[in-house]
Amino acid sequence: MKNVTDSFVSLGHWPSAGSFGFNTDILATNLINLSVVLGVLVFFGKGVLSDLLDNRKQRILNTIRNSEELRGGAIEQLEKARTRLRKVEMEADQFRVNGYSEIERERINFINSTSKTLKQLENYKNETIHFEQQRAINQVRQRVFQQALQGALVTLSSCLNNELHLRTIRANIGMLGAITD
């Protein structure tokens, strides 16, 4: 710790500086600047990212809850279908002589349509969950990219002097001109 404070208060090492001086040790000052920037990013970025992830989590949980409700409705429909099937089977025993084959055909069609509906609802639920997960991931990626880009722009702006900044702009304009030609 003494070495770090010595790098700031090392006025005695520069006799021409008098009572005030600048620290020209690039490694020490860059390490301090980098730690300050990282500290600020962690301090301010943590809340934003946490809120974003919490909102995403709530939306996904709501979607899952809605899908579960749809599934519950499908199960209820299945129970109703089973009840109706039992009723149809009792009627089939009564009318076996007159229309056994017709009733059996109706029962099979009804089971197939119910099964198909359940499969479609299950597929819809899975697709919805997958879609929401992908959307959440993409939004988090986009938010992190934007924050990183903003941080890089702030860092770049603070590091560039006017001459270097103008040279960089001219070089980028030249590259864009070469691309469009």
C-alpha atoms as a PDB file:
ATOM      1  CA  MET A   1       0.000   0.000   0.000  1.00  0.00           C
ATOM      2  CA  LYS A   2       2.914   2.277   0.701  1.00  0.00           C
ATOM      3  CA  ASN A   3       4.140   1.834  -2.885  1.00  0.00           C
ATOM      4  CA  VAL A   4       0.776   2.954  -4.274  1.00  0.00           C
ATOM      5  CA  THR A   5       0.648   6.065  -2.115  1.00  0.00           C
ATOM      6  CA  ASP A   6       4.300   6.767  -2.902  1.00  0.00           C
ATOM      7  CA  SER A   7       3.435   6.807  -6.604  1.00  0.00           C
ATOM      8  CA  PHE A   8       0.973   9.653  -5.922  1.00  0.00           C
ATOM      9  CA  VAL A   9       2.877  11.602  -3.364  1.00  0.00           C
ATOM     10  CA  SER A  10       6.362  11.132  -4.724  1.00  0.00           C
ATOM     11  CA  LEU A  11       7.095  14.818  -5.038  1.00  0.00           C
ATOM     12  CA  GLY A  12      10.528  14.435  -3.520  1.00  0.00           C
ATOM     13  CA  HIS A  13      11.747  12.414  -6.515  1.00  0.00           C
ATOM     14  CA  TRP A  14      11.309  15.316  -8.936  1.00  0.00           C
ATOM     15  CA  PRO A  15      13.438  18.186  -7.853  1.00  0.00           C
ATOM     16  CA  SER A  16      12.222  20.478 -10.665  1.00  0.00           C
ATOM     17  CA  ALA A  17       8.567  19.960  -9.709  1.00  0.00           C
ATOM     18  CA  GLY A  18       8.768  21.999  -6.555  1.00  0.00           C
ATOM     19  CA  SER A  19       5.741  21.539  -4.347  1.00  0.00           C
ATOM     20  CA  PHE A  20       3.437  20.076  -7.002  1.00  0.00           C
ATOM     21  CA  GLY A  21       3.884  17.427  -9.702  1.00  0.00           C
ATOM     22  CA  PHE A  22       2.259  14.849 -11.900  1.00  0.00           C
ATOM     23  CA  ASN A  23       2.697  11.142 -11.646  1.00  0.00           C
ATOM     24  CA  THR A  24       4.229   9.991 -14.925  1.00  0.00           C
ATOM     25  CA  ASP A  25       4.249   6.321 -14.014  1.00  0.00           C
ATOM     26  CA  ILE A  26       1.852   5.068 -16.709  1.00  0.00           C
ATOM     27  CA  LEU A  27       1.417   1.590 -15.224  1.00  0.00           C
ATOM     28  CA  ALA A  28       0.379   2.876 -11.798  1.00  0.00           C
ATOM     29  CA  THR A  29      -2.029   5.506 -13.107  1.00  0.00           C
ATOM     30  CA  ASN A  30      -3.612   3.151 -15.689  1.00  0.00           C
ATOM     31  CA  LEU A  31      -4.142   0.494 -13.018  1.00  0.00           C
ATOM     32  CA  ILE A  32      -5.862   3.021 -10.778  1.00  0.00           C
ATOM     33  CA  ASN A  33      -7.975   4.418 -13.635  1.00  0.00           C
ATOM     34  CA  LEU A  34      -8.948   0.911 -14.717  1.00  0.00           C
ATOM     35  CA  SER A  35      -9.934  -0.049 -11.175  1.00  0.00           C
ATOM     36  CA  VAL A  36     -12.043   3.128 -10.838  1.00  0.00           C
ATOM     37  CA  VAL A  37     -13.787   2.476 -14.189  1.00  0.00           C
ATOM     38  CA  LEU A  38     -14.431  -1.175 -13.296  1.00  0.00           C
ATOM     39  CA  GLY A  39     -15.731  -0.143  -9.876  1.00  0.00           C
ATOM     40  CA  VAL A  40     -18.133   2.365 -11.427  1.00  0.00           C
ATOM     41  CA  LEU A  41     -19.303  -0.199 -14.012  1.00  0.00           C
ATOM     42  CA  VAL A  42     -19.929  -2.818 -11.337  1.00  0.00           C
ATOM     43  CA  PHE A  43     -21.654  -0.340  -9.042  1.00  0.00           C
ATOM     44  CA  PHE A  44     -24.011   1.130 -11.645  1.00  0.00           C
ATOM     45  CA  GLY A  45     -24.342  -1.822 -14.034  1.00  0.00           C
ATOM     46  CA  LYS A  46     -25.215  -4.372 -11.352  1.00  0.00           C
ATOM     47  CA  GLY A  47     -28.588  -2.807 -10.548  1.00  0.00           C
ATOM     48  CA  VAL A  48     -29.587  -2.332 -14.177  1.00  0.00           C
ATOM     49  CA  LEU A  49     -28.630  -5.868 -15.132  1.00  0.00           C
ATOM     50  CA  SER A  50     -30.289  -7.270 -12.016  1.00  0.00           C
ATOM     51  CA  ASP A  51     -33.526  -5.385 -12.748  1.00  0.00           C
ATOM     52  CA  LEU A  52     -33.460  -6.492 -16.371  1.00  0.00           C
ATOM     53  CA  LEU A  53     -32.951 -10.112 -15.405  1.00  0.00           C
ATOM     54  CA  ASP A  54     -35.663  -9.922 -12.715  1.00  0.00           C
ATOM     55  CA  ASN A  55     -38.140  -8.499 -15.243  1.00  0.00           C
ATOM     56  CA  ARG A  56     -37.230 -11.199 -17.738  1.00  0.00           C
ATOM     57  CA  LYS A  57     -37.623 -13.845 -15.051  1.00  0.00           C
ATOM     58  CA  GLN A  58     -41.073 -12.538 -14.131  1.00  0.00           C
ATOM     59  CA  ARG A  59     -42.194 -12.547 -17.762  1.00  0.00           C
ATOM     60  CA  ILE A  60     -40.943 -16.086 -18.251  1.00  0.00           C
ATOM     61  CA  LEU A  61     -42.608 -17.220 -15.024  1.00  0.00           C
ATOM     62  CA  ASN A  62     -45.866 -15.570 -16.126  1.00  0.00           C
ATOM     63  CA  THR A  63     -45.632 -17.338 -19.471  1.00  0.00           C
ATOM     64  CA  ILE A  64     -44.978 -20.646 -17.738  1.00  0.00           C
ATOM     65  CA  ARG A  65     -47.917 -19.982 -15.393  1.00  0.00           C
ATOM     66  CA  ASN A  66     -50.165 -19.239 -18.367  1.00  0.00           C
ATOM     67  CA  SER A  67     -48.958 -22.374 -20.105  1.00  0.00           C
ATOM     68  CA  GLU A  68     -49.648 -24.387 -16.965  1.00  0.00           C
ATOM     69  CA  GLU A  69     -53.161 -22.933 -16.841  1.00  0.00           C
ATOM     70  CA  LEU A  70     -53.667 -23.964 -20.468  1.00  0.00           C
ATOM     71  CA  ARG A  71     -52.340 -27.392 -19.576  1.00  0.00           C
ATOM     72  CA  GLY A  72     -54.747 -27.540 -16.623  1.00  0.00           C
ATOM     73  CA  GLY A  73     -57.604 -26.639 -18.966  1.00  0.00           C
ATOM     74  CA  ALA A  74     -56.483 -29.360 -21.350  1.00  0.00           C
ATOM     75  CA  ILE A  75     -56.369 -31.874 -18.514  1.00  0.00           C
ATOM     76  CA  GLU A  76     -59.847 -30.778 -17.473  1.00  0.00           C
ATOM     77  CA  GLN A  77     -61.021 -31.251 -21.038  1.00  0.00           C
ATOM     78  CA  LEU A  78     -59.379 -34.659 -21.031  1.00  0.00           C
ATOM     79  CA  GLU A  79     -61.259 -35.591 -17.852  1.00  0.00           C
ATOM     80  CA  LYS A  80     -64.497 -34.403 -19.425  1.00  0.00           C
ATOM     81  CA  ALA A  81     -63.625 -36.411 -22.498  1.00  0.00           C
ATOM     82  CA  ARG A  82     -62.973 -39.486 -20.370  1.00  0.00           C
ATOM     83  CA  THR A  83     -66.288 -38.985 -18.599  1.00  0.00           C
ATOM     84  CA  ARG A  84     -68.013 -38.664 -21.926  1.00  0.00           C
ATOM     85  CA  LEU A  85     -66.137 -41.720 -23.156  1.00  0.00           C
ATOM     86  CA  ARG A  86     -67.414 -43.734 -20.212  1.00  0.00           C
ATOM     87  CA  LYS A  87     -70.920 -42.548 -20.995  1.00  0.00           C
ATOM     88  CA  VAL A  88     -70.487 -43.420 -24.670  1.00  0.00           C
ATOM     89  CA  GLU A  89     -69.176 -46.858 -23.712  1.00  0.00           C
ATOM     90  CA  MET A  90     -72.258 -47.487 -21.546  1.00  0.00           C
ATOM     91  CA  GLU A  91     -74.487 -46.430 -24.427  1.00  0.00           C
ATOM     92  CA  ALA A  92     -72.477 -48.650 -26.715  1.00  0.00           C
ATOM     93  CA  ASP A  93     -73.267 -51.646 -24.521  1.00  0.00           C
ATOM     94  CA  GLN A  94     -76.976 -50.764 -24.745  1.00  0.00           C
ATOM     95  CA  PHE A  95     -76.915 -50.258 -28.491  1.00  0.00           C
ATOM     96  CA  ARG A  96     -74.367 -52.922 -29.358  1.00  0.00           C
ATOM     97  CA  VAL A  97     -76.763 -54.786 -31.564  1.00  0.00           C
ATOM     98  CA  ASN A  98     -77.868 -51.715 -33.523  1.00  0.00           C
ATOM     99  CA  GLY A  99     -74.716 -49.663 -33.962  1.00  0.00           C
ATOM    100  CA  TYR A 100     -71.613 -51.049 -32.294  1.00  0.00           C
ATOM    101  CA  SER A 101     -69.320 -50.221 -35.192  1.00  0.00           C
ATOM    102  CA  GLU A 102     -70.598 -46.609 -35.495  1.00  0.00           C
ATOM    103  CA  ILE A 103     -70.147 -45.897 -31.802  1.00  0.00           C
ATOM    104  CA  GLU A 104     -66.666 -47.413 -31.829  1.00  0.00           C
ATOM    105  CA  ARG A 105     -65.704 -45.243 -34.776  1.00  0.00           C
ATOM    106  CA  GLU A 106     -66.997 -42.130 -32.940  1.00  0.00           C
ATOM    107  CA  ARG A 107     -65.060 -43.051 -29.812  1.00  0.00           C
ATOM    108  CA  ILE A 108     -61.801 -43.479 -31.727  1.00  0.00           C
ATOM    109  CA  ASN A 109     -62.286 -40.194 -33.560  1.00  0.00           C
ATOM    110  CA  PHE A 110     -63.018 -38.411 -30.320  1.00  0.00           C
ATOM    111  CA  ILE A 111     -59.939 -39.841 -28.599  1.00  0.00           C
ATOM    112  CA  ASN A 112     -57.756 -38.986 -31.585  1.00  0.00           C
ATOM    113  CA  SER A 113     -59.008 -35.406 -31.749  1.00  0.00           C
ATOM    114  CA  THR A 114     -58.560 -34.941 -27.993  1.00  0.00           C
ATOM    115  CA  SER A 115     -55.078 -36.426 -28.140  1.00  0.00           C
ATOM    116  CA  LYS A 116     -54.206 -34.197 -31.067  1.00  0.00           C
ATOM    117  CA  THR A 117     -55.492 -31.137 -29.197  1.00  0.00           C
ATOM    118  CA  LEU A 118     -53.423 -32.046 -26.138  1.00  0.00           C
ATOM    119  CA  LYS A 119     -50.310 -32.499 -28.243  1.00  0.00           C
ATOM    120  CA  GLN A 120     -50.892 -29.146 -29.911  1.00  0.00           C
ATOM    121  CA  LEU A 121     -51.335 -27.440 -26.533  1.00  0.00           C
ATOM    122  CA  GLU A 122     -48.173 -29.084 -25.182  1.00  0.00           C
ATOM    123  CA  ASN A 123     -46.241 -28.038 -28.303  1.00  0.00           C
ATOM    124  CA  TYR A 124     -47.578 -24.497 -27.974  1.00  0.00           C
ATOM    125  CA  LYS A 125     -46.491 -24.348 -24.334  1.00  0.00           C
ATOM    126  CA  ASN A 126     -42.984 -25.623 -25.167  1.00  0.00           C
ATOM    127  CA  GLU A 127     -42.624 -23.229 -28.086  1.00  0.00           C
ATOM    128  CA  THR A 128     -43.780 -20.316 -25.949  1.00  0.00           C
ATOM    129  CA  ILE A 129     -41.288 -21.157 -23.216  1.00  0.00           C
ATOM    130  CA  HIS A 130     -38.471 -21.555 -25.748  1.00  0.00           C
ATOM    131  CA  PHE A 131     -39.412 -18.318 -27.499  1.00  0.00           C
ATOM    132  CA  GLU A 132     -39.504 -16.361 -24.233  1.00  0.00           C
ATOM    133  CA  GLN A 133     -36.164 -17.809 -23.167  1.00  0.00           C
ATOM    134  CA  GLN A 134     -34.555 -16.854 -26.487  1.00  0.00           C
ATOM    135  CA  ARG A 135     -36.096 -13.400 -26.339  1.00  0.00           C
ATOM    136  CA  ALA A 136     -34.822 -12.912 -22.792  1.00  0.00           C
ATOM    137  CA  ILE A 137     -31.341 -14.046 -23.778  1.00  0.00           C
ATOM    138  CA  ASN A 138     -31.303 -11.761 -26.803  1.00  0.00           C
ATOM    139  CA  GLN A 139     -32.476  -8.768 -24.781  1.00  0.00           C
ATOM    140  CA  VAL A 140     -29.837  -9.390 -22.117  1.00  0.00           C
ATOM    141  CA  ARG A 141     -27.169  -9.714 -24.808  1.00  0.00           C
ATOM    142  CA  GLN A 142     -28.323  -6.515 -26.457  1.00  0.00           C
ATOM    143  CA  ARG A 143     -28.393  -4.631 -23.144  1.00  0.00           C
ATOM    144  CA  VAL A 144     -24.911  -5.881 -22.185  1.00  0.00           C
ATOM    145  CA  PHE A 145     -23.587  -4.966 -25.642  1.00  0.00           C
ATOM    146  CA  GLN A 146     -25.073  -1.477 -25.383  1.00  0.00           C
ATOM    147  CA  GLN A 147     -23.609  -0.944 -21.938  1.00  0.00           C
ATOM    148  CA  ALA A 148     -20.208  -2.238 -23.045  1.00  0.00           C
ATOM    149  CA  LEU A 149     -20.321  -0.009 -26.123  1.00  0.00           C
ATOM    150  CA  GLN A 150     -21.264   3.010 -24.035  1.00  0.00           C
ATOM    151  CA  GLY A 151     -18.479   2.244 -21.610  1.00  0.00           C
ATOM    152  CA  ALA A 152     -16.009   1.821 -24.445  1.00  0.00           C
ATOM    153  CA  LEU A 153     -17.118   5.119 -26.006  1.00  0.00           C
ATOM    154  CA  VAL A 154     -16.728   6.919 -22.689  1.00  0.00           C
ATOM    155  CA  THR A 155     -13.297   5.361 -22.161  1.00  0.00           C
ATOM    156  CA  LEU A 156     -12.274   6.061 -25.746  1.00  0.00           C
ATOM    157  CA  SER A 157     -13.501   9.656 -25.554  1.00  0.00           C
ATOM    158  CA  SER A 158     -11.573  10.263 -22.365  1.00  0.00           C
ATOM    159  CA  CYS A 159      -8.384   8.730 -23.810  1.00  0.00           C
ATOM    160  CA  LEU A 160      -8.348  10.426 -27.223  1.00  0.00           C
ATOM    161  CA  ASN A 161      -6.960  13.900 -27.714  1.00  0.00           C
ATOM    162  CA  ASN A 162      -8.379  16.118 -30.456  1.00  0.00           C
ATOM    163  CA  GLU A 163      -5.690  15.367 -33.022  1.00  0.00           C
ATOM    164  CA  LEU A 164      -5.902  11.581 -32.553  1.00  0.00           C
ATOM    165  CA  HIS A 165      -9.696  11.806 -32.551  1.00  0.00           C
ATOM    166  CA  LEU A 166      -9.729  13.692 -35.882  1.00  0.00           C
ATOM    167  CA  ARG A 167      -7.233  11.205 -37.413  1.00  0.00           C
ATOM    168  CA  THR A 168      -9.437   8.300 -36.317  1.00  0.00           C
ATOM    169  CA  ILE A 169     -12.548   9.919 -37.788  1.00  0.00           C
ATOM    170  CA  ARG A 170     -10.734  10.604 -41.084  1.00  0.00           C
ATOM    171  CA  ALA A 171      -9.480   7.010 -41.240  1.00  0.00           C
ATOM    172  CA  ASN A 172     -12.978   5.644 -40.580  1.00  0.00           C
ATOM    173  CA  ILE A 173     -14.485   7.950 -43.214  1.00  0.00           C
ATOM    174  CA  GLY A 174     -11.824   6.765 -45.644  1.00  0.00           C
ATOM    175  CA  MET A 175     -12.645   3.112 -44.898  1.00  0.00           C
ATOM    176  CA  LEU A 176     -16.371   3.768 -45.330  1.00  0.00           C
ATOM    177  CA  GLY A 177     -15.659   5.548 -48.628  1.00  0.00           C
ATOM    178  CA  ALA A 178     -13.612   2.565 -49.804  1.00  0.00           C
ATOM    179  CA  ILE A 179     -16.398   0.161 -48.825  1.00  0.00           C
ATOM    180  CA  THR A 180     -19.116   2.092 -50.669  1.00  0.00           C
ATOM    181  CA  ASP A 181     -17.033   2.374 -53.861  1.00  0.00           C
END
